[in-house]
Amino acid sequence: MRAVVSEIVFDCADPAALVRFWAALLGGEPVDRSPDWSYVEPPGFVRVAFQRVPEGKAAKNRLHLDLEAGALADAADAAVRLGAERAGGVVTDEQGDFQVLRDPEGNEFCFVTG
C-alpha cells in the first residue's frame, strides 16, 4: 500500500488567526472552511491545515516543518514580523544551518539551508 500526504494538520486554539500567519509565511490564500477548520494551500507544497481543539499546547511538538530559506536571518526576521518568535540562535550541524522558531501558538518550525 502506498499513501500520499494530502495535508499536515496542526491542533490550535484559533484556526482563523493561525492560518493567516502561515499563509503569509508560505505564500498562498487562507481558507476558513468553518470556525473550527482553516487551511492554506501554498504553491508547490502540501496543504497546511489548522483544527481547533479544546486543550491547549502542553509539550514540545512531536512534528515540525522544515522550510528551506536562502538567508536564515532574513527569513527569521520576516517570520518574527509576522508574529513568530525565535527559539534560540542559528545552529550549524552536518546537514547545514537551521533556525528554530515558534508560530503565534507556540508550534515549532525551522528555517533550513542545505
PDB file of N, CA and C in Angstrom:
ATOM      1  N   MET A   1       0.849  -1.184   0.000  1.00  0.00           N
ATOM      2  CA  MET A   1       0.000   0.000   0.000  1.00  0.00           C
ATOM      3  C   MET A   1       0.887   1.237   0.000  1.00  0.00           C
ATOM      4  N   ARG A   2       0.516   2.213  -0.767  1.00  0.00           N
ATOM      5  CA  ARG A   2       1.233   3.478  -0.834  1.00  0.00           C
ATOM      6  C   ARG A   2       0.257   4.587  -0.481  1.00  0.00           C
ATOM      7  N   ALA A   3       0.675   5.466   0.410  1.00  0.00           N
ATOM      8  CA  ALA A   3      -0.154   6.607   0.798  1.00  0.00           C
ATOM      9  C   ALA A   3       0.562   7.894   0.416  1.00  0.00           C
ATOM     10  N   VAL A   4      -0.200   8.937   0.172  1.00  0.00           N
ATOM     11  CA  VAL A   4       0.341  10.236  -0.186  1.00  0.00           C
ATOM     12  C   VAL A   4      -0.129  11.243   0.859  1.00  0.00           C
ATOM     13  N   VAL A   5       0.761  12.075   1.351  1.00  0.00           N
ATOM     14  CA  VAL A   5       0.383  13.103   2.311  1.00  0.00           C
ATOM     15  C   VAL A   5      -0.473  14.143   1.593  1.00  0.00           C
ATOM     16  N   SER A   6      -1.682  14.337   2.079  1.00  0.00           N
ATOM     17  CA  SER A   6      -2.555  15.330   1.461  1.00  0.00           C
ATOM     18  C   SER A   6      -2.539  16.638   2.235  1.00  0.00           C
ATOM     19  N   GLU A   7      -2.341  16.569   3.541  1.00  0.00           N
ATOM     20  CA  GLU A   7      -2.213  17.779   4.331  1.00  0.00           C
ATOM     21  C   GLU A   7      -1.564  17.461   5.668  1.00  0.00           C
ATOM     22  N   ILE A   8      -1.006  18.497   6.258  1.00  0.00           N
ATOM     23  CA  ILE A   8      -0.437  18.420   7.598  1.00  0.00           C
ATOM     24  C   ILE A   8      -1.334  19.283   8.467  1.00  0.00           C
ATOM     25  N   VAL A   9      -1.836  18.731   9.579  1.00  0.00           N
ATOM     26  CA  VAL A   9      -2.819  19.423  10.401  1.00  0.00           C
ATOM     27  C   VAL A   9      -2.211  19.770  11.758  1.00  0.00           C
ATOM     28  N   PHE A  10      -2.328  21.031  12.137  1.00  0.00           N
ATOM     29  CA  PHE A  10      -1.900  21.495  13.448  1.00  0.00           C
ATOM     30  C   PHE A  10      -3.119  21.673  14.330  1.00  0.00           C
ATOM     31  N   ASP A  11      -3.085  21.117  15.540  1.00  0.00           N
ATOM     32  CA  ASP A  11      -4.098  21.439  16.531  1.00  0.00           C
ATOM     33  C   ASP A  11      -3.825  22.856  17.012  1.00  0.00           C
ATOM     34  N   CYS A  12      -4.883  23.617  17.266  1.00  0.00           N
ATOM     35  CA  CYS A  12      -4.679  25.000  17.699  1.00  0.00           C
ATOM     36  C   CYS A  12      -5.922  25.531  18.388  1.00  0.00           C
ATOM     37  N   ALA A  13      -5.801  26.726  18.946  1.00  0.00           N
ATOM     38  CA  ALA A  13      -6.919  27.385  19.608  1.00  0.00           C
ATOM     39  C   ALA A  13      -7.690  28.296  18.658  1.00  0.00           C
ATOM     40  N   ASP A  14      -6.995  28.902  17.680  1.00  0.00           N
ATOM     41  CA  ASP A  14      -7.631  29.890  16.806  1.00  0.00           C
ATOM     42  C   ASP A  14      -7.223  29.643  15.347  1.00  0.00           C
ATOM     43  N   PRO A  15      -7.908  28.722  14.663  1.00  0.00           N
ATOM     44  CA  PRO A  15      -7.535  28.403  13.276  1.00  0.00           C
ATOM     45  C   PRO A  15      -7.509  29.600  12.345  1.00  0.00           C
ATOM     46  N   ALA A  16      -8.473  30.512  12.468  1.00  0.00           N
ATOM     47  CA  ALA A  16      -8.551  31.656  11.551  1.00  0.00           C
ATOM     48  C   ALA A  16      -7.336  32.566  11.691  1.00  0.00           C
ATOM     49  N   ALA A  17      -6.854  32.771  12.892  1.00  0.00           N
ATOM     50  CA  ALA A  17      -5.669  33.617  13.091  1.00  0.00           C
ATOM     51  C   ALA A  17      -4.406  32.894  12.643  1.00  0.00           C
ATOM     52  N   LEU A  18      -4.286  31.629  12.988  1.00  0.00           N
ATOM     53  CA  LEU A  18      -3.067  30.892  12.668  1.00  0.00           C
ATOM     54  C   LEU A  18      -2.910  30.683  11.169  1.00  0.00           C
ATOM     55  N   VAL A  19      -4.003  30.467  10.451  1.00  0.00           N
ATOM     56  CA  VAL A  19      -3.905  30.266   9.009  1.00  0.00           C
ATOM     57  C   VAL A  19      -3.404  31.529   8.316  1.00  0.00           C
ATOM     58  N   ARG A  20      -3.727  32.681   8.836  1.00  0.00           N
ATOM     59  CA  ARG A  20      -3.242  33.925   8.227  1.00  0.00           C
ATOM     60  C   ARG A  20      -1.737  34.088   8.417  1.00  0.00           C
ATOM     61  N   PHE A  21      -1.218  33.715   9.576  1.00  0.00           N
ATOM     62  CA  PHE A  21       0.231  33.728   9.797  1.00  0.00           C
ATOM     63  C   PHE A  21       0.917  32.814   8.783  1.00  0.00           C
ATOM     64  N   TRP A  22       0.451  31.566   8.685  1.00  0.00           N
ATOM     65  CA  TRP A  22       1.098  30.587   7.805  1.00  0.00           C
ATOM     66  C   TRP A  22       0.914  30.937   6.332  1.00  0.00           C
ATOM     67  N   ALA A  23      -0.227  31.497   5.949  1.00  0.00           N
ATOM     68  CA  ALA A  23      -0.423  31.904   4.556  1.00  0.00           C
ATOM     69  C   ALA A  23       0.579  32.992   4.185  1.00  0.00           C
ATOM     70  N   ALA A  24       0.812  33.934   5.094  1.00  0.00           N
ATOM     71  CA  ALA A  24       1.785  34.995   4.830  1.00  0.00           C
ATOM     72  C   ALA A  24       3.201  34.432   4.782  1.00  0.00           C
ATOM     73  N   LEU A  25       3.490  33.456   5.632  1.00  0.00           N
ATOM     74  CA  LEU A  25       4.825  32.868   5.682  1.00  0.00           C
ATOM     75  C   LEU A  25       5.120  32.005   4.458  1.00  0.00           C
ATOM     76  N   LEU A  26       4.157  31.183   4.050  1.00  0.00           N
ATOM     77  CA  LEU A  26       4.369  30.216   2.968  1.00  0.00           C
ATOM     78  C   LEU A  26       3.954  30.732   1.599  1.00  0.00           C
ATOM     79  N   GLY A  27       3.122  31.747   1.574  1.00  0.00           N
ATOM     80  CA  GLY A  27       2.526  32.188   0.321  1.00  0.00           C
ATOM     81  C   GLY A  27       1.267  31.373   0.086  1.00  0.00           C
ATOM     82  N   GLY A  28       0.275  31.955  -0.467  1.00  0.00           N
ATOM     83  CA  GLY A  28      -0.989  31.259  -0.683  1.00  0.00           C
ATOM     84  C   GLY A  28      -2.117  31.990   0.006  1.00  0.00           C
ATOM     85  N   GLU A  29      -3.318  31.517  -0.215  1.00  0.00           N
ATOM     86  CA  GLU A  29      -4.500  32.165   0.330  1.00  0.00           C
ATOM     87  C   GLU A  29      -5.030  31.391   1.531  1.00  0.00           C
ATOM     88  N   PRO A  30      -5.366  32.097   2.610  1.00  0.00           N
ATOM     89  CA  PRO A  30      -6.005  31.420   3.738  1.00  0.00           C
ATOM     90  C   PRO A  30      -7.450  31.077   3.404  1.00  0.00           C
ATOM     91  N   VAL A  31      -7.890  29.901   3.820  1.00  0.00           N
ATOM     92  CA  VAL A  31      -9.269  29.465   3.592  1.00  0.00           C
ATOM     93  C   VAL A  31      -9.862  29.059   4.934  1.00  0.00           C
ATOM     94  N   ASP A  32     -10.955  29.701   5.323  1.00  0.00           N
ATOM     95  CA  ASP A  32     -11.674  29.339   6.542  1.00  0.00           C
ATOM     96  C   ASP A  32     -12.839  28.452   6.138  1.00  0.00           C
ATOM     97  N   ARG A  33     -12.680  27.145   6.353  1.00  0.00           N
ATOM     98  CA  ARG A  33     -13.741  26.212   5.973  1.00  0.00           C
ATOM     99  C   ARG A  33     -14.887  26.245   6.976  1.00  0.00           C
ATOM    100  N   SER A  34     -14.558  26.447   8.253  1.00  0.00           N
ATOM    101  CA  SER A  34     -15.546  26.560   9.323  1.00  0.00           C
ATOM    102  C   SER A  34     -14.860  27.282  10.487  1.00  0.00           C
ATOM    103  N   PRO A  35     -15.587  27.605  11.546  1.00  0.00           N
ATOM    104  CA  PRO A  35     -14.923  28.241  12.692  1.00  0.00           C
ATOM    105  C   PRO A  35     -13.850  27.346  13.336  1.00  0.00           C
ATOM    106  N   ASP A  36     -13.932  26.054  13.066  1.00  0.00           N
ATOM    107  CA  ASP A  36     -13.001  25.102  13.682  1.00  0.00           C
ATOM    108  C   ASP A  36     -11.957  24.550  12.722  1.00  0.00           C
ATOM    109  N   TRP A  37     -11.943  24.997  11.480  1.00  0.00           N
ATOM    110  CA  TRP A  37     -11.038  24.394  10.491  1.00  0.00           C
ATOM    111  C   TRP A  37     -10.669  25.418   9.419  1.00  0.00           C
ATOM    112  N   SER A  38      -9.369  25.662   9.275  1.00  0.00           N
ATOM    113  CA  SER A  38      -8.861  26.563   8.240  1.00  0.00           C
ATOM    114  C   SER A  38      -7.655  25.901   7.595  1.00  0.00           C
ATOM    115  N   TYR A  39      -7.323  26.358   6.379  1.00  0.00           N
ATOM    116  CA  TYR A  39      -6.141  25.793   5.728  1.00  0.00           C
ATOM    117  C   TYR A  39      -5.562  26.786   4.727  1.00  0.00           C
ATOM    118  N   VAL A  40      -4.305  26.528   4.363  1.00  0.00           N
ATOM    119  CA  VAL A  40      -3.632  27.283   3.316  1.00  0.00           C
ATOM    120  C   VAL A  40      -3.017  26.268   2.365  1.00  0.00           C
ATOM    121  N   GLU A  41      -3.147  26.533   1.080  1.00  0.00           N
ATOM    122  CA  GLU A  41      -2.529  25.690   0.069  1.00  0.00           C
ATOM    123  C   GLU A  41      -1.464  26.518  -0.644  1.00  0.00           C
ATOM    124  N   PRO A  42      -0.263  26.562  -0.085  1.00  0.00           N
ATOM    125  CA  PRO A  42       0.783  27.333  -0.756  1.00  0.00           C
ATOM    126  C   PRO A  42       1.222  26.630  -2.038  1.00  0.00           C
ATOM    127  N   PRO A  43       1.659  27.382  -3.017  1.00  0.00           N
ATOM    128  CA  PRO A  43       2.096  26.780  -4.276  1.00  0.00           C
ATOM    129  C   PRO A  43       3.254  25.806  -4.047  1.00  0.00           C
ATOM    130  N   GLY A  44       3.146  24.622  -4.650  1.00  0.00           N
ATOM    131  CA  GLY A  44       4.246  23.660  -4.598  1.00  0.00           C
ATOM    132  C   GLY A  44       4.462  23.001  -3.252  1.00  0.00           C
ATOM    133  N   PHE A  45       3.460  23.004  -2.393  1.00  0.00           N
ATOM    134  CA  PHE A  45       3.640  22.449  -1.055  1.00  0.00           C
ATOM    135  C   PHE A  45       2.365  21.740  -0.655  1.00  0.00           C
ATOM    136  N   VAL A  46       2.464  20.812   0.249  1.00  0.00           N
ATOM    137  CA  VAL A  46       1.294  20.110   0.751  1.00  0.00           C
ATOM    138  C   VAL A  46       0.418  21.100   1.544  1.00  0.00           C
ATOM    139  N   ARG A  47      -0.874  20.885   1.545  1.00  0.00           N
ATOM    140  CA  ARG A  47      -1.796  21.751   2.287  1.00  0.00           C
ATOM    141  C   ARG A  47      -1.437  21.716   3.777  1.00  0.00           C
ATOM    142  N   VAL A  48      -1.462  22.887   4.405  1.00  0.00           N
ATOM    143  CA  VAL A  48      -1.254  23.009   5.843  1.00  0.00           C
ATOM    144  C   VAL A  48      -2.581  23.469   6.433  1.00  0.00           C
ATOM    145  N   ALA A  49      -3.100  22.691   7.397  1.00  0.00           N
ATOM    146  CA  ALA A  49      -4.428  22.953   7.952  1.00  0.00           C
ATOM    147  C   ALA A  49      -4.341  23.158   9.459  1.00  0.00           C
ATOM    148  N   PHE A  50      -5.386  23.796  10.004  1.00  0.00           N
ATOM    149  CA  PHE A  50      -5.435  24.144  11.416  1.00  0.00           C
ATOM    150  C   PHE A  50      -6.805  23.782  11.954  1.00  0.00           C
ATOM    151  N   GLN A  51      -6.813  22.969  13.003  1.00  0.00           N
ATOM    152  CA  GLN A  51      -8.062  22.457  13.574  1.00  0.00           C
ATOM    153  C   GLN A  51      -8.141  22.877  15.037  1.00  0.00           C
ATOM    154  N   ARG A  52      -9.273  23.486  15.393  1.00  0.00           N
ATOM    155  CA  ARG A  52      -9.475  23.893  16.786  1.00  0.00           C
ATOM    156  C   ARG A  52      -9.622  22.657  17.673  1.00  0.00           C
ATOM    157  N   VAL A  53      -8.906  22.660  18.789  1.00  0.00           N
ATOM    158  CA  VAL A  53      -9.036  21.618  19.800  1.00  0.00           C
ATOM    159  C   VAL A  53      -9.253  22.296  21.147  1.00  0.00           C
ATOM    160  N   PRO A  54      -9.943  21.632  22.066  1.00  0.00           N
ATOM    161  CA  PRO A  54     -10.250  22.282  23.347  1.00  0.00           C
ATOM    162  C   PRO A  54      -9.040  22.407  24.280  1.00  0.00           C
ATOM    163  N   GLU A  55      -8.116  21.487  24.204  1.00  0.00           N
ATOM    164  CA  GLU A  55      -6.973  21.537  25.113  1.00  0.00           C
ATOM    165  C   GLU A  55      -5.850  22.392  24.536  1.00  0.00           C
ATOM    166  N   GLY A  56      -5.116  23.044  25.403  1.00  0.00           N
ATOM    167  CA  GLY A  56      -4.003  23.876  24.970  1.00  0.00           C
ATOM    168  C   GLY A  56      -2.750  23.057  24.718  1.00  0.00           C
ATOM    169  N   LYS A  57      -1.772  23.674  24.096  1.00  0.00           N
ATOM    170  CA  LYS A  57      -0.481  23.027  23.836  1.00  0.00           C
ATOM    171  C   LYS A  57       0.214  22.815  25.171  1.00  0.00           C
ATOM    172  N   ALA A  58       0.642  21.583  25.441  1.00  0.00           N
ATOM    173  CA  ALA A  58       1.225  21.270  26.745  1.00  0.00           C
ATOM    174  C   ALA A  58       2.671  20.798  26.652  1.00  0.00           C
ATOM    175  N   ALA A  59       3.158  20.480  25.462  1.00  0.00           N
ATOM    176  CA  ALA A  59       4.507  19.931  25.338  1.00  0.00           C
ATOM    177  C   ALA A  59       5.098  20.322  23.991  1.00  0.00           C
ATOM    178  N   LYS A  60       6.363  19.991  23.815  1.00  0.00           N
ATOM    179  CA  LYS A  60       7.060  20.241  22.555  1.00  0.00           C
ATOM    180  C   LYS A  60       6.376  19.462  21.423  1.00  0.00           C
ATOM    181  N   ASN A  61       6.379  20.051  20.228  1.00  0.00           N
ATOM    182  CA  ASN A  61       5.809  19.360  19.062  1.00  0.00           C
ATOM    183  C   ASN A  61       6.467  17.998  18.871  1.00  0.00           C
ATOM    184  N   ARG A  62       5.709  17.035  18.429  1.00  0.00           N
ATOM    185  CA  ARG A  62       6.258  15.751  18.006  1.00  0.00           C
ATOM    186  C   ARG A  62       6.563  15.785  16.516  1.00  0.00           C
ATOM    187  N   LEU A  63       6.112  16.830  15.837  1.00  0.00           N
ATOM    188  CA  LEU A  63       6.304  17.006  14.403  1.00  0.00           C
ATOM    189  C   LEU A  63       6.486  18.495  14.160  1.00  0.00           C
ATOM    190  N   HIS A  64       7.363  18.847  13.217  1.00  0.00           N
ATOM    191  CA  HIS A  64       7.510  20.255  12.853  1.00  0.00           C
ATOM    192  C   HIS A  64       7.839  20.339  11.368  1.00  0.00           C
ATOM    193  N   LEU A  65       7.678  21.514  10.806  1.00  0.00           N
ATOM    194  CA  LEU A  65       8.001  21.744   9.397  1.00  0.00           C
ATOM    195  C   LEU A  65       9.397  22.322   9.286  1.00  0.00           C
ATOM    196  N   ASP A  66      10.176  21.828   8.331  1.00  0.00           N
ATOM    197  CA  ASP A  66      11.440  22.427   7.939  1.00  0.00           C
ATOM    198  C   ASP A  66      11.193  23.175   6.641  1.00  0.00           C
ATOM    199  N   LEU A  67      11.470  24.456   6.642  1.00  0.00           N
ATOM    200  CA  LEU A  67      11.237  25.308   5.476  1.00  0.00           C
ATOM    201  C   LEU A  67      12.575  25.783   4.948  1.00  0.00           C
ATOM    202  N   GLU A  68      12.836  25.519   3.679  1.00  0.00           N
ATOM    203  CA  GLU A  68      14.113  25.925   3.087  1.00  0.00           C
ATOM    204  C   GLU A  68      14.125  27.432   2.889  1.00  0.00           C
ATOM    205  N   ALA A  69      15.221  28.048   3.328  1.00  0.00           N
ATOM    206  CA  ALA A  69      15.381  29.502   3.204  1.00  0.00           C
ATOM    207  C   ALA A  69      16.793  29.805   2.745  1.00  0.00           C
ATOM    208  N   GLY A  70      16.915  30.720   1.805  1.00  0.00           N
ATOM    209  CA  GLY A  70      18.239  31.092   1.311  1.00  0.00           C
ATOM    210  C   GLY A  70      19.056  31.826   2.353  1.00  0.00           C
ATOM    211  N   ALA A  71      18.454  32.766   3.035  1.00  0.00           N
ATOM    212  CA  ALA A  71      19.136  33.564   4.062  1.00  0.00           C
ATOM    213  C   ALA A  71      18.358  33.408   5.364  1.00  0.00           C
ATOM    214  N   LEU A  72      18.920  32.651   6.297  1.00  0.00           N
ATOM    215  CA  LEU A  72      18.211  32.364   7.539  1.00  0.00           C
ATOM    216  C   LEU A  72      17.821  33.627   8.295  1.00  0.00           C
ATOM    217  N   ALA A  73      18.741  34.575   8.411  1.00  0.00           N
ATOM    218  CA  ALA A  73      18.456  35.782   9.184  1.00  0.00           C
ATOM    219  C   ALA A  73      17.285  36.552   8.576  1.00  0.00           C
ATOM    220  N   ASP A  74      17.270  36.696   7.256  1.00  0.00           N
ATOM    221  CA  ASP A  74      16.182  37.417   6.590  1.00  0.00           C
ATOM    222  C   ASP A  74      14.853  36.684   6.769  1.00  0.00           C
ATOM    223  N   ALA A  75      14.865  35.364   6.600  1.00  0.00           N
ATOM    224  CA  ALA A  75      13.639  34.581   6.750  1.00  0.00           C
ATOM    225  C   ALA A  75      13.127  34.650   8.187  1.00  0.00           C
ATOM    226  N   ALA A  76      14.025  34.515   9.158  1.00  0.00           N
ATOM    227  CA  ALA A  76      13.621  34.586  10.563  1.00  0.00           C
ATOM    228  C   ALA A  76      13.080  35.968  10.905  1.00  0.00           C
ATOM    229  N   ASP A  77      13.745  37.021  10.429  1.00  0.00           N
ATOM    230  CA  ASP A  77      13.262  38.379  10.686  1.00  0.00           C
ATOM    231  C   ASP A  77      11.862  38.579  10.122  1.00  0.00           C
ATOM    232  N   ALA A  78      11.615  38.078   8.910  1.00  0.00           N
ATOM    233  CA  ALA A  78      10.292  38.205   8.289  1.00  0.00           C
ATOM    234  C   ALA A  78       9.245  37.444   9.100  1.00  0.00           C
ATOM    235  N   ALA A  79       9.589  36.244   9.562  1.00  0.00           N
ATOM    236  CA  ALA A  79       8.652  35.452  10.363  1.00  0.00           C
ATOM    237  C   ALA A  79       8.346  36.144  11.685  1.00  0.00           C
ATOM    238  N   VAL A  80       9.342  36.740  12.305  1.00  0.00           N
ATOM    239  CA  VAL A  80       9.133  37.462  13.564  1.00  0.00           C
ATOM    240  C   VAL A  80       8.205  38.659  13.339  1.00  0.00           C
ATOM    241  N   ARG A  81       8.376  39.361  12.236  1.00  0.00           N
ATOM    242  CA  ARG A  81       7.477  40.482  11.926  1.00  0.00           C
ATOM    243  C   ARG A  81       6.026  40.006  11.761  1.00  0.00           C
ATOM    244  N   LEU A  82       5.849  38.756  11.326  1.00  0.00           N
ATOM    245  CA  LEU A  82       4.504  38.195  11.162  1.00  0.00           C
ATOM    246  C   LEU A  82       3.909  37.685  12.474  1.00  0.00           C
ATOM    247  N   GLY A  83       4.754  37.544  13.520  1.00  0.00           N
ATOM    248  CA  GLY A  83       4.244  37.079  14.806  1.00  0.00           C
ATOM    249  C   GLY A  83       4.942  35.873  15.390  1.00  0.00           C
ATOM    250  N   ALA A  84       5.960  35.348  14.710  1.00  0.00           N
ATOM    251  CA  ALA A  84       6.722  34.211  15.249  1.00  0.00           C
ATOM    252  C   ALA A  84       7.709  34.706  16.293  1.00  0.00           C
ATOM    253  N   GLU A  85       8.292  33.778  17.026  1.00  0.00           N
ATOM    254  CA  GLU A  85       9.393  34.106  17.931  1.00  0.00           C
ATOM    255  C   GLU A  85      10.515  33.099  17.736  1.00  0.00           C
ATOM    256  N   ARG A  86      11.740  33.568  17.882  1.00  0.00           N
ATOM    257  CA  ARG A  86      12.900  32.688  17.770  1.00  0.00           C
ATOM    258  C   ARG A  86      12.976  31.784  18.993  1.00  0.00           C
ATOM    259  N   ALA A  87      13.417  30.557  18.776  1.00  0.00           N
ATOM    260  CA  ALA A  87      13.633  29.603  19.872  1.00  0.00           C
ATOM    261  C   ALA A  87      15.121  29.265  19.887  1.00  0.00           C
ATOM    262  N   GLY A  88      15.936  30.228  20.265  1.00  0.00           N
ATOM    263  CA  GLY A  88      17.382  30.045  20.250  1.00  0.00           C
ATOM    264  C   GLY A  88      17.993  30.670  19.015  1.00  0.00           C
ATOM    265  N   GLY A  89      19.285  30.448  18.866  1.00  0.00           N
ATOM    266  CA  GLY A  89      20.020  31.019  17.754  1.00  0.00           C
ATOM    267  C   GLY A  89      20.157  30.057  16.596  1.00  0.00           C
ATOM    268  N   VAL A  90      20.894  30.483  15.582  1.00  0.00           N
ATOM    269  CA  VAL A  90      21.165  29.639  14.425  1.00  0.00           C
ATOM    270  C   VAL A  90      22.086  28.508  14.859  1.00  0.00           C
ATOM    271  N   VAL A  91      21.771  27.309  14.410  1.00  0.00           N
ATOM    272  CA  VAL A  91      22.556  26.113  14.735  1.00  0.00           C
ATOM    273  C   VAL A  91      23.175  25.597  13.443  1.00  0.00           C
ATOM    274  N   THR A  92      24.417  25.146  13.529  1.00  0.00           N
ATOM    275  CA  THR A  92      25.099  24.523  12.401  1.00  0.00           C
ATOM    276  C   THR A  92      25.416  23.086  12.767  1.00  0.00           C
ATOM    277  N   ASP A  93      25.022  22.159  11.890  1.00  0.00           N
ATOM    278  CA  ASP A  93      25.382  20.759  12.091  1.00  0.00           C
ATOM    279  C   ASP A  93      25.825  20.169  10.755  1.00  0.00           C
ATOM    280  N   GLU A  94      25.952  18.861  10.681  1.00  0.00           N
ATOM    281  CA  GLU A  94      26.456  18.224   9.462  1.00  0.00           C
ATOM    282  C   GLU A  94      25.535  18.389   8.258  1.00  0.00           C
ATOM    283  N   GLN A  95      24.280  18.748   8.481  1.00  0.00           N
ATOM    284  CA  GLN A  95      23.341  18.934   7.377  1.00  0.00           C
ATOM    285  C   GLN A  95      23.257  20.378   6.908  1.00  0.00           C
ATOM    286  N   GLY A  96      23.827  21.305   7.664  1.00  0.00           N
ATOM    287  CA  GLY A  96      23.769  22.720   7.292  1.00  0.00           C
ATOM    288  C   GLY A  96      23.360  23.575   8.468  1.00  0.00           C
ATOM    289  N   ASP A  97      22.814  24.741   8.179  1.00  0.00           N
ATOM    290  CA  ASP A  97      22.379  25.685   9.214  1.00  0.00           C
ATOM    291  C   ASP A  97      20.867  25.623   9.356  1.00  0.00           C
ATOM    292  N   PHE A  98      20.393  25.863  10.598  1.00  0.00           N
ATOM    293  CA  PHE A  98      18.954  25.962  10.800  1.00  0.00           C
ATOM    294  C   PHE A  98      18.637  26.902  11.952  1.00  0.00           C
ATOM    295  N   GLN A  99      17.438  27.458  11.900  1.00  0.00           N
ATOM    296  CA  GLN A  99      16.917  28.370  12.927  1.00  0.00           C
ATOM    297  C   GLN A  99      15.552  27.860  13.341  1.00  0.00           C
ATOM    298  N   VAL A 100      15.373  27.579  14.631  1.00  0.00           N
ATOM    299  CA  VAL A 100      14.084  27.138  15.154  1.00  0.00           C
ATOM    300  C   VAL A 100      13.282  28.368  15.569  1.00  0.00           C
ATOM    301  N   LEU A 101      12.011  28.376  15.191  1.00  0.00           N
ATOM    302  CA  LEU A 101      11.082  29.439  15.581  1.00  0.00           C
ATOM    303  C   LEU A 101       9.797  28.802  16.098  1.00  0.00           C
ATOM    304  N   ARG A 102       8.935  29.631  16.681  1.00  0.00           N
ATOM    305  CA  ARG A 102       7.606  29.197  17.103  1.00  0.00           C
ATOM    306  C   ARG A 102       6.574  30.125  16.470  1.00  0.00           C
ATOM    307  N   ASP A 103       5.497  29.534  15.960  1.00  0.00           N
ATOM    308  CA  ASP A 103       4.424  30.346  15.400  1.00  0.00           C
ATOM    309  C   ASP A 103       3.652  31.016  16.538  1.00  0.00           C
ATOM    310  N   PRO A 104       2.640  31.838  16.251  1.00  0.00           N
ATOM    311  CA  PRO A 104       1.935  32.556  17.318  1.00  0.00           C
ATOM    312  C   PRO A 104       1.279  31.674  18.380  1.00  0.00           C
ATOM    313  N   GLU A 105       1.069  30.388  18.097  1.00  0.00           N
ATOM    314  CA  GLU A 105       0.513  29.492  19.114  1.00  0.00           C
ATOM    315  C   GLU A 105       1.570  28.578  19.725  1.00  0.00           C
ATOM    316  N   GLY A 106       2.833  28.807  19.388  1.00  0.00           N
ATOM    317  CA  GLY A 106       3.910  28.038  20.007  1.00  0.00           C
ATOM    318  C   GLY A 106       4.344  26.799  19.252  1.00  0.00           C
ATOM    319  N   ASN A 107       3.794  26.545  18.063  1.00  0.00           N
ATOM    320  CA  ASN A 107       4.208  25.397  17.262  1.00  0.00           C
ATOM    321  C   ASN A 107       5.576  25.674  16.654  1.00  0.00           C
ATOM    322  N   GLU A 108       6.507  24.746  16.845  1.00  0.00           N
ATOM    323  CA  GLU A 108       7.851  24.948  16.330  1.00  0.00           C
ATOM    324  C   GLU A 108       7.946  24.642  14.837  1.00  0.00           C
ATOM    325  N   PHE A 109       8.807  25.403  14.157  1.00  0.00           N
ATOM    326  CA  PHE A 109       9.169  25.141  12.778  1.00  0.00           C
ATOM    327  C   PHE A 109      10.600  25.625  12.591  1.00  0.00           C
ATOM    328  N   CYS A 110      11.244  25.196  11.530  1.00  0.00           N
ATOM    329  CA  CYS A 110      12.633  25.566  11.295  1.00  0.00           C
ATOM    330  C   CYS A 110      12.812  26.147   9.897  1.00  0.00           C
ATOM    331  N   PHE A 111      13.659  27.134   9.792  1.00  0.00           N
ATOM    332  CA  PHE A 111      14.204  27.534   8.507  1.00  0.00           C
ATOM    333  C   PHE A 111      15.530  26.816   8.379  1.00  0.00           C
ATOM    334  N   VAL A 112      15.774  26.218   7.214  1.00  0.00           N
ATOM    335  CA  VAL A 112      16.994  25.434   6.997  1.00  0.00           C
ATOM    336  C   VAL A 112      17.690  25.887   5.723  1.00  0.00           C
ATOM    337  N   THR A 113      18.983  25.642   5.687  1.00  0.00           N
ATOM    338  CA  THR A 113      19.759  25.781   4.455  1.00  0.00           C
ATOM    339  C   THR A 113      20.420  24.438   4.210  1.00  0.00           C
ATOM    340  N   GLY A 114      20.674  24.126   2.979  1.00  0.00           N
ATOM    341  CA  GLY A 114      21.253  22.825   2.655  1.00  0.00           C
ATOM    342  C   GLY A 114      22.689  23.016   2.403  1.00  0.00           C
TER     343      GLY A 114
END
